[in-house]
Amino acid sequence: MIKNKKRKHIASPDQYRKRFFREAAMKARNGKTVYICKEHHERIIKILHVIAKNDVSLFSYIYNVLEHHFNTYQEDITELYDNNIEKVF
């Protein structure tokens, strides 16, 4: 049974497209290899194929999502990080 979920988003579909479906400023070969689960990989590839018409790389999409996440939650992450640092003195 599929539950009706309320969509919670701030950006319009056009804003989403502009934010995430663009090539990253850096190239994947300059980064590090990471693994994602098969389900997420297949989902992202399908999204890129249908919405971005394969004009955006998997690396760029993930890079853009992470950049947005870090920009959005920078203060929260910093606070959590600072609260979890073991004090020397």
C-alpha atoms as a PDB file:
ATOM      1  CA  MET A   1       0.000   0.000   0.000  1.00  0.00           C
ATOM      2  CA  ILE A   2       1.464   3.347  -1.072  1.00  0.00           C
ATOM      3  CA  LYS A   3       0.902   6.156   1.373  1.00  0.00           C
ATOM      4  CA  ASN A   4       0.180   9.639   0.161  1.00  0.00           C
ATOM      5  CA  LYS A   5       3.219  11.719   1.009  1.00  0.00           C
ATOM      6  CA  LYS A   6       3.046  15.487   1.136  1.00  0.00           C
ATOM      7  CA  ARG A   7       5.767  16.933  -1.016  1.00  0.00           C
ATOM      8  CA  LYS A   8       8.105  19.068   1.012  1.00  0.00           C
ATOM      9  CA  HIS A   9      10.345  21.159  -1.143  1.00  0.00           C
ATOM     10  CA  ILE A  10      11.404  24.736  -1.334  1.00  0.00           C
ATOM     11  CA  ALA A  11      12.466  24.944  -4.948  1.00  0.00           C
ATOM     12  CA  SER A  12      10.246  24.729  -7.992  1.00  0.00           C
ATOM     13  CA  PRO A  13      10.917  21.970 -10.522  1.00  0.00           C
ATOM     14  CA  ASP A  14      12.706  24.537 -12.707  1.00  0.00           C
ATOM     15  CA  GLN A  15      14.898  25.652  -9.795  1.00  0.00           C
ATOM     16  CA  TYR A  16      15.683  22.026  -9.038  1.00  0.00           C
ATOM     17  CA  ARG A  17      16.715  21.443 -12.647  1.00  0.00           C
ATOM     18  CA  LYS A  18      19.006  24.503 -12.639  1.00  0.00           C
ATOM     19  CA  ARG A  19      20.540  23.608  -9.280  1.00  0.00           C
ATOM     20  CA  PHE A  20      21.241  19.914  -9.784  1.00  0.00           C
ATOM     21  CA  PHE A  21      21.256  19.132 -13.514  1.00  0.00           C
ATOM     22  CA  ARG A  22      24.421  20.972 -14.484  1.00  0.00           C
ATOM     23  CA  GLU A  23      27.973  19.801 -14.880  1.00  0.00           C
ATOM     24  CA  ALA A  24      30.223  20.255 -11.860  1.00  0.00           C
ATOM     25  CA  ALA A  25      33.136  22.664 -12.056  1.00  0.00           C
ATOM     26  CA  MET A  26      35.574  19.828 -11.348  1.00  0.00           C
ATOM     27  CA  LYS A  27      36.052  16.515 -13.125  1.00  0.00           C
ATOM     28  CA  ALA A  28      35.357  13.129 -11.540  1.00  0.00           C
ATOM     29  CA  ARG A  29      38.948  11.990 -12.116  1.00  0.00           C
ATOM     30  CA  ASN A  30      40.074  14.693  -9.640  1.00  0.00           C
ATOM     31  CA  GLY A  31      37.878  13.231  -6.884  1.00  0.00           C
ATOM     32  CA  LYS A  32      37.745   9.975  -4.976  1.00  0.00           C
ATOM     33  CA  THR A  33      35.910   6.750  -5.662  1.00  0.00           C
ATOM     34  CA  VAL A  34      32.894   6.079  -3.467  1.00  0.00           C
ATOM     35  CA  TYR A  35      30.258   3.384  -3.514  1.00  0.00           C
ATOM     36  CA  ILE A  36      26.503   3.838  -3.408  1.00  0.00           C
ATOM     37  CA  CYS A  37      23.856   1.172  -3.143  1.00  0.00           C
ATOM     38  CA  LYS A  38      22.527  -0.358  -6.343  1.00  0.00           C
ATOM     39  CA  GLU A  39      19.022   1.028  -5.722  1.00  0.00           C
ATOM     40  CA  HIS A  40      20.244   4.625  -5.480  1.00  0.00           C
ATOM     41  CA  HIS A  41      22.519   4.218  -8.487  1.00  0.00           C
ATOM     42  CA  GLU A  42      19.697   2.862 -10.649  1.00  0.00           C
ATOM     43  CA  ARG A  43      17.329   5.600  -9.462  1.00  0.00           C
ATOM     44  CA  ILE A  44      19.810   8.397 -10.195  1.00  0.00           C
ATOM     45  CA  ILE A  45      20.693   6.962 -13.619  1.00  0.00           C
ATOM     46  CA  LYS A  46      16.993   6.804 -14.505  1.00  0.00           C
ATOM     47  CA  ILE A  47      16.474  10.406 -13.332  1.00  0.00           C
ATOM     48  CA  LEU A  48      19.468  11.606 -15.338  1.00  0.00           C
ATOM     49  CA  HIS A  49      18.365   9.699 -18.413  1.00  0.00           C
ATOM     50  CA  VAL A  50      14.780  10.962 -18.389  1.00  0.00           C
ATOM     51  CA  ILE A  51      15.017  14.473 -16.946  1.00  0.00           C
ATOM     52  CA  ALA A  52      18.537  15.565 -17.886  1.00  0.00           C
ATOM     53  CA  LYS A  53      18.518  13.646 -21.196  1.00  0.00           C
ATOM     54  CA  ASN A  54      21.923  12.180 -20.247  1.00  0.00           C
ATOM     55  CA  ASP A  55      23.502  15.657 -20.478  1.00  0.00           C
ATOM     56  CA  VAL A  56      24.687  15.526 -16.862  1.00  0.00           C
ATOM     57  CA  SER A  57      27.086  12.969 -15.443  1.00  0.00           C
ATOM     58  CA  LEU A  58      26.377  10.871 -12.388  1.00  0.00           C
ATOM     59  CA  PHE A  59      29.371  12.527 -10.718  1.00  0.00           C
ATOM     60  CA  SER A  60      28.002  16.033 -11.373  1.00  0.00           C
ATOM     61  CA  TYR A  61      24.543  15.240 -10.038  1.00  0.00           C
ATOM     62  CA  ILE A  62      25.927  13.741  -6.820  1.00  0.00           C
ATOM     63  CA  TYR A  63      28.423  16.609  -6.499  1.00  0.00           C
ATOM     64  CA  ASN A  64      25.618  19.179  -6.845  1.00  0.00           C
ATOM     65  CA  VAL A  65      23.384  17.384  -4.346  1.00  0.00           C
ATOM     66  CA  LEU A  66      26.213  17.247  -1.795  1.00  0.00           C
ATOM     67  CA  GLU A  67      27.175  20.896  -2.373  1.00  0.00           C
ATOM     68  CA  HIS A  68      23.563  21.927  -1.748  1.00  0.00           C
ATOM     69  CA  HIS A  69      23.361  19.715   1.336  1.00  0.00           C
ATOM     70  CA  PHE A  70      26.561  21.158   2.821  1.00  0.00           C
ATOM     71  CA  ASN A  71      25.486  24.738   2.046  1.00  0.00           C
ATOM     72  CA  THR A  72      22.029  24.150   3.521  1.00  0.00           C
ATOM     73  CA  TYR A  73      23.169  22.370   6.673  1.00  0.00           C
ATOM     74  CA  GLN A  74      26.595  23.933   7.221  1.00  0.00           C
ATOM     75  CA  GLU A  75      25.667  25.536  10.546  1.00  0.00           C
ATOM     76  CA  ASP A  76      24.016  22.375  11.886  1.00  0.00           C
ATOM     77  CA  ILE A  77      26.942  20.195  10.818  1.00  0.00           C
ATOM     78  CA  THR A  78      29.441  22.628  12.357  1.00  0.00           C
ATOM     79  CA  GLU A  79      27.527  22.686  15.651  1.00  0.00           C
ATOM     80  CA  LEU A  80      27.282  18.892  15.791  1.00  0.00           C
ATOM     81  CA  TYR A  81      30.939  18.569  14.876  1.00  0.00           C
ATOM     82  CA  ASP A  82      32.050  21.085  17.510  1.00  0.00           C
ATOM     83  CA  ASN A  83      29.899  19.386  20.154  1.00  0.00           C
ATOM     84  CA  ASN A  84      31.501  16.027  19.421  1.00  0.00           C
ATOM     85  CA  ILE A  85      35.144  17.040  19.433  1.00  0.00           C
ATOM     86  CA  GLU A  86      36.910  15.590  22.408  1.00  0.00           C
ATOM     87  CA  LYS A  87      38.476  18.454  24.300  1.00  0.00           C
ATOM     88  CA  VAL A  88      42.173  18.081  25.096  1.00  0.00           C
ATOM     89  CA  PHE A  89      41.995  20.402  28.144  1.00  0.00           C
END
